Amino acid sequence: MKIKAIIFDLDGTITEPYLDFDRIRTEIGLAANAGPLLEAMEKMSPAARKKAEEILYKHEQAAIKHSVLNAGATETLKQLRRMKIHIGVMTRNTRSNASAVAKKHNIEFDAVVDRDDGPVKPDPFGVKRLCKFFKVKPQQTLVVGDYLFDLQSAKAAGAKAILIKTGKNAEQFASYADYIIDKLPQIVDIINSYEK
């Protein structure tokens, strides 16, 4: 089945990994093993959550300022445009931050699903929503990410999962991926393999 859409994670996938979630958890006052940050914040009192959101905001702003595109990102996105493939971003970050990264690096996404749109990764909500927006089936979609949640959301939605090995612990998620890549341009070869 021909690939018609690619859904990317943002930090660690389009851009080089920057956000240090262990450090953010520590600053907020959470244990290192407190689990996913957004879910931990949901359980906080309103006052504690407000403080946690301020700390997270500070780190996310720094991530925009210091963001560097992963090798081949610009060329890969241009090639996907030439191939008429929809480009989506699914992030546990915010839409405005995704837009700020795109503007800084002069790249473009067709649609973004962020943490305020509905259940976050690993829930399949974001993949399904972007597929619906692009009018494509999950089976016609590749989801690219550097972390377990990206792969789990892809599989739960019925899309193919691509692990990009940019994170320090990427290898431990390999069994959840349909494909494993080192660099973004390798996506084009995967897409072409569906044309045969």
Protein backbone atom coordinates (compact mmCIF):
# COMPACT_ATOMS: atom_id res chain seq x y z
CA MET A 1 0.00 0.00 0.00
CA LYS A 2 1.41 3.37 -1.04
CA ILE A 3 2.56 5.70 1.75
CA LYS A 4 0.62 8.97 1.73
CA ALA A 5 1.52 10.60 5.07
CA ILE A 6 4.44 10.84 7.49
CA ILE A 7 3.92 11.84 11.11
CA PHE A 8 7.00 13.07 12.96
CA ASP A 9 7.78 13.53 16.61
CA LEU A 10 9.48 16.91 17.24
CA ASP A 11 12.30 16.91 19.85
CA GLY A 12 14.82 14.19 19.04
CA THR A 13 13.28 13.47 15.63
CA ILE A 14 12.98 16.66 13.56
CA THR A 15 15.44 18.37 15.91
CA GLU A 16 18.40 16.97 17.82
CA PRO A 17 17.44 15.77 21.32
CA TYR A 18 17.46 18.68 23.76
CA LEU A 19 14.86 18.28 26.49
CA ASP A 20 16.25 16.49 29.55
CA PHE A 21 13.14 15.08 31.23
CA ASP A 22 15.04 13.70 34.23
CA ARG A 23 16.37 17.19 34.92
CA ILE A 24 12.91 18.74 34.44
CA ARG A 25 11.38 16.20 36.84
CA THR A 26 14.07 16.99 39.43
CA GLU A 27 13.48 20.76 39.13
CA ILE A 28 9.74 20.21 39.56
CA GLY A 29 10.39 18.08 42.64
CA LEU A 30 9.35 14.73 41.17
CA ALA A 31 11.28 11.51 41.63
CA ALA A 32 13.36 10.47 38.62
CA ASN A 33 11.13 7.39 38.30
CA ALA A 34 7.87 9.37 38.63
CA GLY A 35 6.91 8.29 35.13
CA PRO A 36 5.87 10.43 32.17
CA LEU A 37 5.95 14.13 33.02
CA LEU A 38 2.56 15.26 31.68
CA GLU A 39 0.76 12.39 33.41
CA ALA A 40 2.56 13.15 36.69
CA MET A 41 1.56 16.82 36.40
CA GLU A 42 -2.11 15.87 35.98
CA LYS A 43 -2.08 14.39 39.50
CA MET A 44 -0.73 17.58 41.14
CA SER A 45 -2.61 20.17 43.13
CA PRO A 46 -3.47 23.31 41.10
CA ALA A 47 -0.67 25.31 42.79
CA ALA A 48 1.95 22.61 42.26
CA ARG A 49 0.85 22.12 38.68
CA LYS A 50 1.11 25.86 37.95
CA LYS A 51 4.71 25.86 39.22
CA ALA A 52 5.49 22.69 37.24
CA GLU A 53 4.04 24.26 34.07
CA GLU A 54 6.27 27.32 34.55
CA ILE A 55 9.36 25.11 34.86
CA LEU A 56 8.36 23.06 31.81
CA TYR A 57 7.68 26.26 29.84
CA LYS A 58 11.17 27.56 30.65
CA HIS A 59 12.77 24.34 29.38
CA GLU A 60 10.61 24.24 26.25
CA GLN A 61 11.52 27.84 25.41
CA ALA A 62 15.22 26.99 25.82
CA ALA A 63 14.68 23.98 23.51
CA ILE A 64 13.33 26.30 20.79
CA LYS A 65 16.19 28.78 21.23
CA HIS A 66 18.89 26.10 21.13
CA SER A 67 17.18 23.79 18.62
CA VAL A 68 19.28 22.27 15.86
CA LEU A 69 17.74 20.23 13.06
CA ASN A 70 18.72 16.58 12.84
CA ALA A 71 20.99 15.77 9.91
CA GLY A 72 19.06 15.72 6.64
CA ALA A 73 15.81 17.11 8.10
CA THR A 74 15.41 19.99 5.63
CA GLU A 75 16.25 17.86 2.60
CA THR A 76 13.95 15.06 3.75
CA LEU A 77 10.99 17.40 4.26
CA LYS A 78 11.59 18.96 0.81
CA GLN A 79 11.74 15.51 -0.76
CA LEU A 80 8.46 14.50 0.94
CA ARG A 81 6.85 17.64 -0.52
CA ARG A 82 8.08 16.70 -4.00
CA MET A 83 6.59 13.23 -3.45
CA LYS A 84 3.28 14.86 -2.45
CA ILE A 85 3.30 13.17 0.97
CA HIS A 86 1.48 14.87 3.85
CA ILE A 87 3.74 15.98 6.72
CA GLY A 88 2.32 15.91 10.23
CA VAL A 89 3.81 16.49 13.66
CA MET A 90 2.55 14.72 16.77
CA THR A 91 4.10 16.10 19.93
CA ARG A 92 3.67 16.11 23.69
CA ASN A 93 4.85 19.74 23.36
CA THR A 94 2.64 22.67 22.28
CA ARG A 95 1.52 23.72 18.80
CA SER A 96 3.04 27.19 19.29
CA ASN A 97 6.41 25.63 20.17
CA ALA A 98 6.26 23.36 17.10
CA SER A 99 5.46 26.43 14.98
CA ALA A 100 8.35 28.36 16.55
CA VAL A 101 10.78 25.55 15.68
CA ALA A 102 9.43 25.42 12.11
CA LYS A 103 9.76 29.20 11.72
CA LYS A 104 13.28 29.28 13.16
CA HIS A 105 14.51 26.63 10.71
CA ASN A 106 12.36 27.65 7.73
CA ILE A 107 10.57 24.31 7.52
CA GLU A 108 6.87 23.59 7.20
CA PHE A 109 4.39 21.07 8.58
CA ASP A 110 0.93 20.47 7.11
CA ALA A 111 -0.68 19.83 10.51
CA VAL A 112 0.26 19.50 14.18
CA VAL A 113 -1.38 17.56 17.01
CA ASP A 114 -0.16 18.76 20.41
CA ARG A 115 -0.76 17.94 24.07
CA ASP A 116 -3.84 20.17 24.25
CA ASP A 117 -5.70 18.46 21.39
CA GLY A 118 -6.53 15.24 23.22
CA PRO A 119 -4.90 12.19 24.79
CA VAL A 120 -1.12 12.31 24.32
CA LYS A 121 1.25 9.62 23.05
CA PRO A 122 1.33 6.63 23.60
CA ASP A 123 -2.43 6.94 22.96
CA PRO A 124 -3.23 6.50 19.24
CA PHE A 125 -5.39 9.65 19.23
CA GLY A 126 -2.79 11.87 17.50
CA VAL A 127 -2.07 9.40 14.71
CA LYS A 128 -5.78 8.82 14.07
CA ARG A 129 -6.54 12.55 14.13
CA LEU A 130 -3.80 13.38 11.63
CA CYS A 131 -4.82 10.49 9.36
CA LYS A 132 -8.40 11.76 9.41
CA PHE A 133 -7.22 15.31 8.67
CA PHE A 134 -5.10 14.09 5.73
CA LYS A 135 -7.88 11.71 4.56
CA VAL A 136 -5.52 8.73 4.61
CA LYS A 137 -5.63 5.33 6.31
CA PRO A 138 -3.22 4.54 9.16
CA GLN A 139 -1.89 1.72 6.93
CA GLN A 140 -0.78 4.44 4.46
CA THR A 141 1.09 6.28 7.21
CA LEU A 142 4.57 6.12 8.72
CA VAL A 143 5.19 7.48 12.23
CA VAL A 144 8.77 8.53 12.97
CA GLY A 145 10.06 9.03 16.51
CA ASP A 146 12.96 8.54 18.88
CA TYR A 147 11.04 7.23 21.88
CA LEU A 148 8.82 4.32 22.91
CA PHE A 149 5.61 6.43 23.03
CA ASP A 150 5.97 7.37 19.33
CA LEU A 151 6.18 3.71 18.35
CA GLN A 152 3.36 2.61 20.64
CA SER A 153 0.98 5.27 19.31
CA ALA A 154 1.78 4.23 15.73
CA LYS A 155 1.15 0.55 16.39
CA ALA A 156 -2.04 1.20 18.37
CA ALA A 157 -3.43 3.22 15.44
CA GLY A 158 -2.43 0.68 12.79
CA ALA A 159 0.39 2.75 11.26
CA LYS A 160 4.00 1.68 10.65
CA ALA A 161 6.51 2.75 13.30
CA ILE A 162 10.00 4.04 12.47
CA LEU A 163 12.56 4.43 15.25
CA ILE A 164 15.25 7.03 14.63
CA LYS A 165 18.29 6.27 16.78
CA THR A 166 19.02 9.77 18.08
CA GLY A 167 18.28 9.19 21.76
CA LYS A 168 20.79 7.66 24.14
CA ASN A 169 18.47 4.74 24.94
CA ALA A 170 16.95 4.25 21.48
CA GLU A 171 18.11 0.63 21.12
CA GLN A 172 15.85 -0.54 23.95
CA PHE A 173 12.77 0.44 21.90
CA ALA A 174 13.85 -1.42 18.74
CA SER A 175 11.46 -4.35 19.23
CA TYR A 176 8.50 -1.92 18.94
CA ALA A 177 9.62 -0.57 15.54
CA ASP A 178 8.82 -1.78 12.04
CA TYR A 179 11.91 0.06 10.77
CA ILE A 180 15.02 1.48 12.42
CA ILE A 181 16.97 4.37 10.90
CA ASP A 182 20.05 6.41 11.79
CA LYS A 183 19.22 9.47 9.66
CA LEU A 184 16.00 11.05 8.39
CA PRO A 185 16.79 10.71 4.63
CA GLN A 186 16.48 6.91 5.03
CA ILE A 187 12.70 7.45 5.25
CA VAL A 188 12.61 8.05 1.49
CA ASP A 189 13.96 4.54 0.82
CA ILE A 190 11.28 3.08 3.10
CA ILE A 191 8.56 4.98 1.23
CA ASN A 192 9.97 3.83 -2.12
CA SER A 193 9.92 0.20 -0.96
CA TYR A 194 6.10 0.48 -0.81
CA GLU A 195 5.95 1.59 -4.45
CA LYS A 196 7.29 -1.75 -5.70
